[in-house]
Amino acid sequence: MADFNSVVVLGRLARDPELRYVGSGAPVCSFSVATNHNYTKSDGQKAKSVTFVDVTAWRRLAEICNQFLKKGRQVLVTGVL
């Protein structure tokens, strides 16, 4: 059986992206995406949980992320673990 490794996350940026450069000169952008989950508890009360997903983008995509993404902006991220 073939392996499958794919992730899709839709949420809002929890903080501004951080751009840095590694030793080889390649740009790397790191940011965090917050996703909300609304649900009803067994006692009938409404509840909300938040999951934070750390994302790392490399090379030209890193520069684009740093240029256009800001805290609070909605983003759809696809990638691999």
Protein backbone atom coordinates (compact mmCIF):
# COMPACT_ATOMS: atom_id res chain seq x y z
CA MET A 1 0.00 0.00 0.00
CA ALA A 2 1.27 3.50 -0.85
CA ASP A 3 1.88 6.08 1.87
CA PHE A 4 -0.03 9.37 2.02
CA ASN A 5 1.12 12.47 3.90
CA SER A 6 -0.99 15.59 3.39
CA VAL A 7 -2.25 18.40 5.64
CA VAL A 8 -4.80 21.18 5.02
CA VAL A 9 -5.34 23.90 7.64
CA LEU A 10 -7.72 26.86 7.41
CA GLY A 11 -7.51 29.46 10.15
CA ARG A 12 -6.24 32.86 11.16
CA LEU A 13 -2.68 33.95 11.84
CA ALA A 14 -2.02 34.06 15.58
CA ARG A 15 1.02 36.33 15.15
CA ASP A 16 2.92 38.12 12.40
CA PRO A 17 5.22 35.91 10.30
CA GLU A 18 8.93 35.85 11.17
CA LEU A 19 11.40 35.78 8.26
CA ARG A 20 14.99 34.62 8.78
CA TYR A 21 17.79 33.24 6.64
CA VAL A 22 19.62 29.95 7.21
CA GLY A 23 23.37 29.48 6.71
CA SER A 24 23.00 28.70 2.99
CA GLY A 25 21.14 31.98 2.50
CA ALA A 26 17.72 30.39 1.97
CA PRO A 27 14.82 32.37 3.46
CA VAL A 28 12.59 30.66 6.04
CA CYS A 29 9.28 32.05 7.29
CA SER A 30 7.59 30.79 10.45
CA PHE A 31 4.07 31.58 11.60
CA SER A 32 1.26 30.09 13.65
CA VAL A 33 -2.31 29.41 12.45
CA ALA A 34 -5.17 29.30 14.97
CA THR A 35 -8.21 27.12 14.24
CA ASN A 36 -11.42 27.18 16.29
CA HIS A 37 -13.67 24.24 17.12
CA ASN A 38 -17.16 24.95 18.47
CA TYR A 39 -19.05 22.12 20.11
CA THR A 40 -21.71 21.31 22.71
CA LYS A 41 -20.71 19.56 25.91
CA SER A 42 -22.65 16.57 27.25
CA ASP A 43 -24.42 18.88 29.75
CA GLY A 44 -25.70 21.09 26.89
CA GLN A 45 -23.29 24.00 27.36
CA LYS A 46 -21.64 25.53 24.30
CA ALA A 47 -17.84 25.38 24.29
CA LYS A 48 -14.96 26.46 22.07
CA SER A 49 -11.43 25.12 21.75
CA VAL A 50 -8.51 26.61 19.82
CA THR A 51 -5.71 24.66 18.17
CA PHE A 52 -2.48 26.37 17.13
CA VAL A 53 -0.54 24.91 14.19
CA ASP A 54 3.06 26.02 13.59
CA VAL A 55 3.92 26.44 9.89
CA THR A 56 7.31 26.80 8.19
CA ALA A 57 7.64 28.01 4.59
CA TRP A 58 10.90 27.95 2.63
CA ARG A 59 12.54 29.91 -0.20
CA ARG A 60 10.33 32.09 -2.43
CA LEU A 61 7.15 31.00 -0.63
CA ALA A 62 8.72 32.22 2.63
CA GLU A 63 9.26 35.67 1.14
CA ILE A 64 5.68 35.80 -0.19
CA CYS A 65 4.24 34.75 3.19
CA ASN A 66 6.27 37.42 4.96
CA GLN A 67 5.12 40.06 2.46
CA PHE A 68 1.36 39.38 2.48
CA LEU A 69 0.45 37.66 5.76
CA LYS A 70 -0.29 39.62 8.93
CA LYS A 71 -1.73 38.71 12.33
CA GLY A 72 -5.48 38.03 12.14
CA ARG A 73 -5.56 37.41 8.40
CA GLN A 74 -7.27 34.21 7.26
CA VAL A 75 -5.02 31.70 5.51
CA LEU A 76 -5.36 28.27 3.90
CA VAL A 77 -2.22 26.17 4.20
CA THR A 78 -1.56 22.88 2.41
CA GLY A 79 1.56 20.82 2.95
CA VAL A 80 3.09 17.75 4.54
CA LEU A 81 4.06 16.79 8.07
